[in-house]
N, C-alpha and C. Protein backbone atom coordinates (compact mmCIF):
# COMPACT_ATOMS: atom_id res chain seq x y z
N MET A 1 -67.47 40.11 1.64
CA MET A 1 -66.96 39.89 -0.02
C MET A 1 -67.31 40.84 -0.96
N SER A 2 -66.56 41.48 -1.82
CA SER A 2 -66.67 42.63 -2.53
C SER A 2 -66.88 41.96 -3.96
N VAL A 3 -67.82 43.11 -4.62
CA VAL A 3 -68.01 42.56 -6.22
C VAL A 3 -67.04 43.14 -7.07
N PRO A 4 -66.94 41.88 -7.74
CA PRO A 4 -65.63 41.86 -8.80
C PRO A 4 -66.10 43.07 -9.81
N LYS A 5 -65.07 43.65 -9.99
CA LYS A 5 -64.94 45.07 -11.16
C LYS A 5 -64.98 44.01 -12.77
N LEU A 6 -65.10 44.58 -13.22
CA LEU A 6 -64.95 44.11 -14.78
C LEU A 6 -63.56 44.64 -15.07
N SER A 7 -63.13 46.04 -14.87
CA SER A 7 -61.74 46.13 -15.26
C SER A 7 -60.56 45.49 -14.17
N GLU A 8 -61.16 44.76 -13.38
CA GLU A 8 -59.86 44.10 -12.95
C GLU A 8 -59.69 42.94 -13.24
N LEU A 9 -61.03 42.22 -13.91
CA LEU A 9 -60.75 40.43 -14.89
C LEU A 9 -59.52 40.56 -16.08
N SER A 10 -59.53 39.39 -15.81
CA SER A 10 -58.62 38.78 -17.02
C SER A 10 -59.33 37.20 -17.27
N VAL A 11 -59.27 37.28 -18.74
CA VAL A 11 -59.54 35.66 -19.06
C VAL A 11 -58.67 34.94 -18.24
N GLY A 12 -59.68 33.51 -17.59
CA GLY A 12 -58.44 32.46 -17.03
C GLY A 12 -58.76 32.88 -16.16
N ASP A 13 -58.78 33.76 -14.97
CA ASP A 13 -58.87 33.95 -13.94
C ASP A 13 -60.33 33.03 -13.53
N ALA A 14 -59.56 32.54 -11.72
CA ALA A 14 -60.30 31.53 -11.02
C ALA A 14 -61.72 32.51 -10.32
N VAL A 15 -63.03 31.92 -10.74
CA VAL A 15 -63.80 32.33 -10.06
C VAL A 15 -64.31 31.80 -8.89
N GLY A 16 -64.35 30.70 -8.87
CA GLY A 16 -64.10 29.66 -7.62
C GLY A 16 -64.41 28.46 -7.67
N SER A 17 -64.70 27.28 -6.59
CA SER A 17 -64.66 25.97 -7.00
C SER A 17 -65.70 25.60 -5.38
N ALA A 18 -66.46 24.38 -5.62
CA ALA A 18 -66.77 23.91 -4.34
C ALA A 18 -67.31 22.16 -4.83
N THR A 19 -67.47 21.92 -4.11
CA THR A 19 -68.17 20.22 -3.76
C THR A 19 -68.67 20.27 -2.99
N VAL A 20 -70.31 20.29 -3.60
CA VAL A 20 -71.59 19.35 -2.85
C VAL A 20 -71.62 18.24 -3.31
N HIS A 21 -72.25 18.06 -1.92
CA HIS A 21 -72.31 16.31 -1.85
C HIS A 21 -74.27 16.69 -1.62
N LEU A 22 -74.53 16.09 -2.60
CA LEU A 22 -75.98 15.51 -3.04
C LEU A 22 -76.30 14.50 -2.15
N THR A 23 -77.39 14.02 -1.74
CA THR A 23 -78.02 12.99 -1.06
C THR A 23 -79.54 12.82 -1.81
N ARG A 24 -79.96 11.65 -1.26
CA ARG A 24 -81.46 11.29 -1.81
C ARG A 24 -82.71 12.32 -1.30
N ALA A 25 -82.12 12.62 -0.09
CA ALA A 25 -83.07 13.48 0.52
C ALA A 25 -83.12 14.97 -0.41
N ASP A 26 -81.95 15.43 -1.06
CA ASP A 26 -82.07 16.33 -1.21
C ASP A 26 -82.67 16.17 -2.90
N LEU A 27 -82.84 14.76 -3.40
CA LEU A 27 -83.53 14.82 -4.34
C LEU A 27 -85.29 14.98 -4.51
N VAL A 28 -85.54 14.33 -3.12
CA VAL A 28 -86.76 14.69 -2.57
C VAL A 28 -87.52 15.88 -2.71
N ARG A 29 -86.43 16.65 -1.93
CA ARG A 29 -87.08 18.18 -1.62
C ARG A 29 -86.78 18.72 -3.09
N TYR A 30 -86.19 18.68 -3.90
CA TYR A 30 -85.64 19.52 -4.97
C TYR A 30 -87.15 18.68 -5.99
N ALA A 31 -87.15 17.52 -5.74
CA ALA A 31 -88.59 16.95 -6.48
C ALA A 31 -90.32 17.38 -6.28
N ASP A 32 -90.17 17.74 -4.64
CA ASP A 32 -91.53 18.45 -4.11
C ASP A 32 -91.47 20.04 -4.81
N ALA A 33 -90.15 20.71 -4.31
CA ALA A 33 -90.57 22.23 -4.64
C ALA A 33 -90.43 22.36 -6.44
N SER A 34 -89.83 21.42 -7.04
CA SER A 34 -89.80 21.95 -8.27
C SER A 34 -91.30 21.04 -9.55
N GLY A 35 -91.56 20.29 -8.77
CA GLY A 35 -92.51 19.25 -9.37
C GLY A 35 -91.78 18.50 -10.11
N ASP A 36 -90.95 18.37 -10.32
CA ASP A 36 -90.40 17.12 -11.12
C ASP A 36 -90.52 15.94 -10.12
N GLN A 37 -91.49 14.78 -10.53
CA GLN A 37 -91.86 13.25 -9.64
C GLN A 37 -91.56 12.60 -10.34
N ASN A 38 -90.60 12.60 -11.46
CA ASN A 38 -89.94 11.60 -12.34
C ASN A 38 -89.14 10.48 -11.12
N PRO A 39 -90.05 9.37 -11.69
CA PRO A 39 -89.82 7.95 -10.59
C PRO A 39 -88.13 7.73 -10.54
N ILE A 40 -87.16 8.44 -11.94
CA ILE A 40 -85.75 7.63 -11.49
C ILE A 40 -85.14 8.55 -10.83
N HIS A 41 -85.58 9.45 -10.46
CA HIS A 41 -84.92 10.69 -9.49
C HIS A 41 -85.06 9.89 -8.07
N ARG A 42 -86.10 8.86 -7.84
CA ARG A 42 -86.37 8.10 -6.06
C ARG A 42 -85.94 6.64 -6.30
N SER A 43 -86.62 6.01 -7.39
CA SER A 43 -86.33 5.18 -7.21
C SER A 43 -85.17 3.85 -7.89
N ASP A 44 -84.45 3.15 -7.33
CA ASP A 44 -83.70 2.04 -7.96
C ASP A 44 -84.20 1.36 -9.16
N GLU A 45 -85.20 0.82 -8.62
CA GLU A 45 -86.35 -0.31 -9.24
C GLU A 45 -86.42 0.62 -10.91
N VAL A 46 -86.74 1.63 -10.81
CA VAL A 46 -87.38 2.45 -12.08
C VAL A 46 -86.33 2.89 -12.64
N ALA A 47 -84.94 3.25 -12.30
CA ALA A 47 -84.09 3.72 -12.61
C ALA A 47 -83.38 2.79 -13.87
N ARG A 48 -83.36 1.19 -13.16
CA ARG A 48 -82.78 0.48 -13.63
C ARG A 48 -83.12 -0.16 -14.81
N SER A 49 -84.99 0.31 -14.74
CA SER A 49 -86.00 -0.49 -15.70
C SER A 49 -85.44 0.29 -17.24
N VAL A 50 -85.21 1.60 -16.87
CA VAL A 50 -85.05 2.13 -18.23
C VAL A 50 -83.57 2.49 -18.53
N GLY A 51 -82.40 1.45 -18.02
CA GLY A 51 -81.18 1.65 -18.24
C GLY A 51 -79.95 2.19 -17.59
N LEU A 52 -80.49 3.07 -16.45
CA LEU A 52 -79.90 3.45 -15.82
C LEU A 52 -78.99 2.61 -14.61
N SER A 53 -77.85 2.87 -13.96
CA SER A 53 -77.27 2.47 -12.49
C SER A 53 -78.18 2.48 -11.28
N GLY A 54 -78.81 3.29 -11.52
CA GLY A 54 -79.62 3.69 -10.19
C GLY A 54 -80.45 4.87 -10.25
N VAL A 55 -80.84 5.58 -8.75
CA VAL A 55 -81.22 6.73 -9.04
C VAL A 55 -80.16 7.87 -9.17
N ILE A 56 -80.89 9.02 -10.43
CA ILE A 56 -79.86 9.97 -10.84
C ILE A 56 -80.73 11.54 -10.06
N ALA A 57 -79.81 12.28 -9.88
CA ALA A 57 -79.93 13.54 -9.52
C ALA A 57 -80.60 14.46 -10.93
N HIS A 58 -81.50 15.38 -10.65
CA HIS A 58 -82.41 16.03 -11.59
C HIS A 58 -81.24 16.64 -12.30
N GLY A 59 -81.14 17.23 -13.90
CA GLY A 59 -80.51 17.77 -14.48
C GLY A 59 -80.74 19.23 -14.06
N MET A 60 -81.69 19.89 -14.01
CA MET A 60 -81.92 21.15 -13.40
C MET A 60 -81.12 21.35 -11.98
N LEU A 61 -81.66 20.28 -11.50
CA LEU A 61 -80.88 20.36 -9.89
C LEU A 61 -79.17 20.85 -10.33
N THR A 62 -78.62 19.79 -10.68
CA THR A 62 -76.80 19.78 -11.14
C THR A 62 -77.01 21.25 -11.73
N MET A 63 -77.71 21.48 -12.81
CA MET A 63 -77.39 23.02 -13.12
C MET A 63 -77.67 24.04 -11.95
N GLY A 64 -78.45 23.82 -11.34
CA GLY A 64 -78.44 24.90 -10.17
C GLY A 64 -77.56 25.06 -9.61
N VAL A 65 -76.70 23.98 -8.70
CA VAL A 65 -75.87 23.88 -8.10
C VAL A 65 -74.61 24.10 -8.71
N ALA A 66 -74.50 23.77 -10.18
CA ALA A 66 -73.20 24.49 -10.81
C ALA A 66 -73.35 25.88 -10.67
N VAL A 67 -74.75 26.82 -11.03
CA VAL A 67 -74.28 28.01 -11.00
C VAL A 67 -74.01 28.63 -9.61
N ARG A 68 -74.07 27.80 -8.45
CA ARG A 68 -74.23 28.78 -7.15
C ARG A 68 -72.49 29.08 -7.40
N VAL A 69 -71.60 28.45 -7.67
CA VAL A 69 -70.01 29.20 -7.68
C VAL A 69 -70.38 30.71 -8.07
N VAL A 70 -70.72 30.92 -9.29
CA VAL A 70 -70.98 31.92 -10.02
C VAL A 70 -71.60 33.21 -8.98
N VAL A 71 -72.84 32.75 -8.58
CA VAL A 71 -73.63 33.98 -7.73
C VAL A 71 -73.15 34.08 -6.58
N ASP A 72 -71.86 33.23 -5.78
CA ASP A 72 -71.72 33.31 -4.82
C ASP A 72 -70.33 34.39 -5.14
N TRP A 73 -69.67 34.16 -6.26
CA TRP A 73 -68.70 35.03 -6.82
C TRP A 73 -69.13 36.61 -7.04
N CYS A 74 -69.96 36.83 -7.37
CA CYS A 74 -70.71 37.95 -8.09
C CYS A 74 -71.49 38.75 -6.80
N GLY A 75 -71.83 37.73 -5.96
CA GLY A 75 -72.89 38.34 -4.65
C GLY A 75 -74.13 38.92 -5.04
N ASP A 76 -74.65 38.91 -6.31
CA ASP A 76 -76.18 38.79 -6.56
C ASP A 76 -76.56 38.01 -7.72
N PRO A 77 -77.64 37.12 -7.57
CA PRO A 77 -78.16 36.50 -8.32
C PRO A 77 -78.69 37.08 -9.61
N ALA A 78 -79.09 38.23 -9.66
CA ALA A 78 -79.85 38.94 -10.66
C ALA A 78 -79.01 39.60 -11.48
N ALA A 79 -77.43 39.42 -11.13
CA ALA A 79 -76.27 39.94 -11.91
C ALA A 79 -76.54 38.43 -12.85
N VAL A 80 -76.14 37.30 -12.98
CA VAL A 80 -76.48 36.23 -13.72
C VAL A 80 -77.53 36.53 -14.60
N VAL A 81 -77.30 37.04 -16.06
CA VAL A 81 -77.98 37.48 -17.02
C VAL A 81 -77.82 36.73 -18.17
N ASP A 82 -77.71 35.69 -17.89
CA ASP A 82 -77.71 34.54 -18.97
C ASP A 82 -76.98 33.51 -18.32
N TYR A 83 -77.48 32.16 -19.15
CA TYR A 83 -77.09 30.84 -18.17
C TYR A 83 -77.42 29.98 -19.05
N GLY A 84 -76.27 28.62 -19.73
CA GLY A 84 -76.81 27.33 -20.52
C GLY A 84 -75.80 26.92 -20.63
N THR A 85 -76.30 25.29 -20.69
CA THR A 85 -75.34 24.39 -20.81
C THR A 85 -76.06 23.07 -21.45
N ARG A 86 -75.28 22.10 -21.72
CA ARG A 86 -75.67 20.93 -22.05
C ARG A 86 -75.24 19.55 -21.23
N PHE A 87 -76.28 18.85 -21.09
CA PHE A 87 -76.26 18.04 -20.07
C PHE A 87 -75.89 16.86 -20.48
N THR A 88 -74.30 16.52 -20.27
CA THR A 88 -73.43 15.28 -21.21
C THR A 88 -73.42 14.40 -20.15
N GLY A 89 -73.52 14.18 -18.64
CA GLY A 89 -73.35 12.83 -18.05
C GLY A 89 -74.40 12.79 -17.05
N GLN A 90 -74.69 12.00 -16.10
CA GLN A 90 -75.83 11.92 -15.28
C GLN A 90 -74.77 11.81 -13.69
N VAL A 91 -75.76 12.00 -12.67
CA VAL A 91 -75.22 12.37 -10.91
C VAL A 91 -75.54 11.18 -10.82
N PRO A 92 -75.15 9.90 -10.17
CA PRO A 92 -75.90 8.85 -9.56
C PRO A 92 -75.78 9.12 -8.17
N VAL A 93 -77.00 8.93 -7.50
CA VAL A 93 -77.04 9.27 -5.94
C VAL A 93 -77.19 7.77 -5.43
N GLY A 94 -76.19 7.59 -4.71
CA GLY A 94 -76.76 6.68 -4.07
C GLY A 94 -77.41 6.96 -2.74
N ALA A 95 -77.90 5.30 -2.52
CA ALA A 95 -78.68 5.06 -1.05
C ALA A 95 -77.95 5.54 0.10
N ASP A 96 -78.89 6.01 1.02
CA ASP A 96 -78.16 6.28 2.70
C ASP A 96 -77.24 5.08 2.64
N ASP A 97 -77.92 3.56 2.65
CA ASP A 97 -77.10 2.59 3.02
C ASP A 97 -76.05 2.08 1.75
N ALA A 98 -75.34 2.60 1.15
CA ALA A 98 -75.12 2.20 -0.13
C ALA A 98 -73.59 2.15 0.31
N PRO A 99 -72.52 1.52 -0.61
CA PRO A 99 -71.34 1.74 0.18
C PRO A 99 -70.77 2.88 -0.14
N GLU A 100 -71.30 3.83 -1.41
CA GLU A 100 -71.06 5.22 -1.41
C GLU A 100 -72.36 6.15 -1.23
N PRO A 101 -72.82 6.43 -0.18
CA PRO A 101 -74.50 6.97 -0.65
C PRO A 101 -74.07 8.31 -0.61
N GLY A 102 -75.22 8.88 -1.23
CA GLY A 102 -74.84 10.48 -1.72
C GLY A 102 -74.03 10.42 -3.13
N ALA A 103 -73.96 11.81 -3.77
CA ALA A 103 -72.72 11.71 -4.92
C ALA A 103 -72.05 13.70 -4.14
N ASP A 104 -71.22 13.21 -4.78
CA ASP A 104 -70.16 14.61 -4.78
C ASP A 104 -70.19 15.27 -6.23
N LEU A 105 -70.50 16.34 -6.43
CA LEU A 105 -70.75 16.94 -7.23
C LEU A 105 -69.74 18.07 -7.25
N GLU A 106 -68.41 18.23 -8.15
CA GLU A 106 -67.60 18.99 -7.81
C GLU A 106 -67.50 19.73 -9.22
N VAL A 107 -67.31 21.27 -8.78
CA VAL A 107 -67.79 22.43 -9.63
C VAL A 107 -66.36 23.61 -9.54
N SER A 108 -66.15 24.13 -10.58
CA SER A 108 -65.16 25.03 -11.06
C SER A 108 -65.63 26.07 -11.93
N ALA A 109 -64.97 27.37 -11.58
CA ALA A 109 -65.31 28.31 -12.63
C ALA A 109 -64.12 29.29 -13.24
N VAL A 110 -64.36 29.66 -14.43
CA VAL A 110 -63.31 30.60 -14.81
C VAL A 110 -63.97 31.42 -15.61
N VAL A 111 -63.13 32.85 -15.53
CA VAL A 111 -63.50 33.83 -16.13
C VAL A 111 -63.14 33.53 -18.16
N GLY A 112 -64.21 33.14 -18.87
CA GLY A 112 -64.25 32.65 -20.19
C GLY A 112 -63.87 33.75 -21.35
N ALA A 113 -64.92 35.17 -20.66
CA ALA A 113 -64.31 35.92 -21.73
C ALA A 113 -64.89 36.98 -21.54
N LEU A 114 -64.60 38.34 -21.82
CA LEU A 114 -64.89 39.53 -21.13
C LEU A 114 -65.52 40.80 -22.29
N ASP A 115 -66.53 41.00 -22.04
CA ASP A 115 -67.16 42.64 -23.02
C ASP A 115 -67.24 43.82 -22.54
N VAL A 116 -66.17 44.24 -22.56
CA VAL A 116 -66.14 45.98 -21.98
C VAL A 116 -67.58 46.58 -22.54
N GLU A 117 -67.82 46.77 -23.70
CA GLU A 117 -68.76 47.11 -24.00
C GLU A 117 -70.18 47.10 -23.48
N ALA A 118 -70.74 46.04 -23.35
CA ALA A 118 -71.81 45.48 -22.88
C ALA A 118 -71.66 45.00 -20.98
N GLY A 119 -70.56 45.91 -20.25
CA GLY A 119 -70.52 45.40 -19.10
C GLY A 119 -70.82 43.99 -18.55
N THR A 120 -70.26 42.97 -19.19
CA THR A 120 -70.13 41.74 -18.79
C THR A 120 -69.28 40.82 -18.70
N ALA A 121 -69.02 40.15 -17.99
CA ALA A 121 -67.86 38.73 -18.23
C ALA A 121 -68.78 37.41 -18.59
N ARG A 122 -68.04 36.21 -19.45
CA ARG A 122 -68.82 35.41 -19.56
C ARG A 122 -67.64 34.34 -18.71
N VAL A 123 -68.31 33.22 -17.41
CA VAL A 123 -68.18 32.45 -16.82
C VAL A 123 -67.89 31.17 -17.37
N ASP A 124 -66.91 30.40 -17.61
CA ASP A 124 -67.14 28.79 -17.97
C ASP A 124 -67.12 28.35 -16.46
N ILE A 125 -68.05 27.26 -16.93
CA ILE A 125 -68.27 26.43 -15.58
C ILE A 125 -67.68 24.84 -16.20
N THR A 126 -67.60 24.31 -14.95
CA THR A 126 -66.90 23.12 -15.17
C THR A 126 -67.47 22.33 -13.88
N ALA A 127 -68.48 21.31 -14.17
CA ALA A 127 -68.82 20.22 -13.37
C ALA A 127 -69.08 18.67 -13.42
N THR A 128 -68.06 18.36 -12.13
CA THR A 128 -68.28 16.68 -12.71
C THR A 128 -68.71 15.86 -11.97
N CYS A 129 -68.53 14.67 -11.47
CA CYS A 129 -69.07 13.47 -10.78
C CYS A 129 -68.65 12.26 -11.21
N GLY A 130 -67.83 12.09 -9.98
CA GLY A 130 -66.84 11.17 -10.10
C GLY A 130 -65.98 10.93 -11.03
N GLY A 131 -65.37 11.87 -11.32
CA GLY A 131 -64.30 12.11 -12.55
C GLY A 131 -65.17 12.66 -14.00
N THR A 132 -66.45 12.51 -14.03
CA THR A 132 -66.87 12.35 -15.09
C THR A 132 -67.63 13.77 -15.11
N ARG A 133 -67.38 14.33 -16.74
CA ARG A 133 -67.95 15.80 -16.59
C ARG A 133 -69.42 15.56 -17.01
N VAL A 134 -70.17 16.14 -16.14
CA VAL A 134 -71.69 16.19 -16.59
C VAL A 134 -72.45 16.92 -16.68
N LEU A 135 -71.55 18.60 -16.93
CA LEU A 135 -72.09 19.63 -17.85
C LEU A 135 -71.16 19.91 -19.13
N GLY A 136 -71.83 20.19 -20.04
CA GLY A 136 -70.52 20.82 -20.80
C GLY A 136 -71.18 22.30 -21.78
N ARG A 137 -70.25 22.88 -22.12
CA ARG A 137 -70.69 24.36 -22.50
C ARG A 137 -71.24 25.24 -21.20
N ALA A 138 -71.13 24.73 -20.30
CA ALA A 138 -71.38 25.31 -18.75
C ALA A 138 -71.22 26.91 -19.19
N ARG A 139 -72.31 28.27 -19.21
CA ARG A 139 -72.03 28.98 -19.29
C ARG A 139 -72.45 29.98 -18.73
N ALA A 140 -72.19 31.00 -17.61
CA ALA A 140 -73.56 32.40 -17.44
C ALA A 140 -72.21 33.42 -17.66
N VAL A 141 -73.49 34.31 -18.07
CA VAL A 141 -73.11 35.97 -18.21
C VAL A 141 -73.60 36.75 -17.16
N VAL A 142 -72.53 37.42 -16.62
CA VAL A 142 -72.64 38.13 -15.26
C VAL A 142 -72.28 39.28 -15.51
N ARG A 143 -73.01 40.46 -14.91
CA ARG A 143 -73.22 41.40 -15.52
C ARG A 143 -72.46 42.51 -14.13
N LEU A 144 -71.29 43.11 -14.22
CA LEU A 144 -70.60 43.72 -13.42
C LEU A 144 -70.23 45.05 -13.56
N PRO A 145 -69.98 45.67 -12.32
CA PRO A 145 -69.45 47.05 -12.18
C PRO A 145 -68.23 47.44 -12.89
N ALA A 146 -68.05 48.34 -13.76
CA ALA A 146 -67.25 48.69 -14.72
C ALA A 146 -65.58 48.59 -13.83
């Protein structure tokens, strides 16, 4: 895979897309790695007691999965010099024995702006689950060769 060059990009160019299937086991692994042991990510009972429909994915896991499309495109995680988003929805993750186990996070990204002087491209990311947008204003700034 070749590294994209800033001079060859235009606003609106597709960066990539992916569908990532998340399972309850993924949530357990993420909780263990991150230290975020909030029970809304493990227990339907606890999640429902706080008004959720059931277990949801960690917001930071969702954010990390979404930026993967950009990292795969540019070829280097260190090229991402800024990344931010607003959490606008939840990713409900069905149990293994549920009618719809897990959850599919659909991610796509396009070039949103170019800054030739800074040598960067802003990449706008869209992330949805079940047709609902779960990240708003998700933007990564990537430093690229001229």
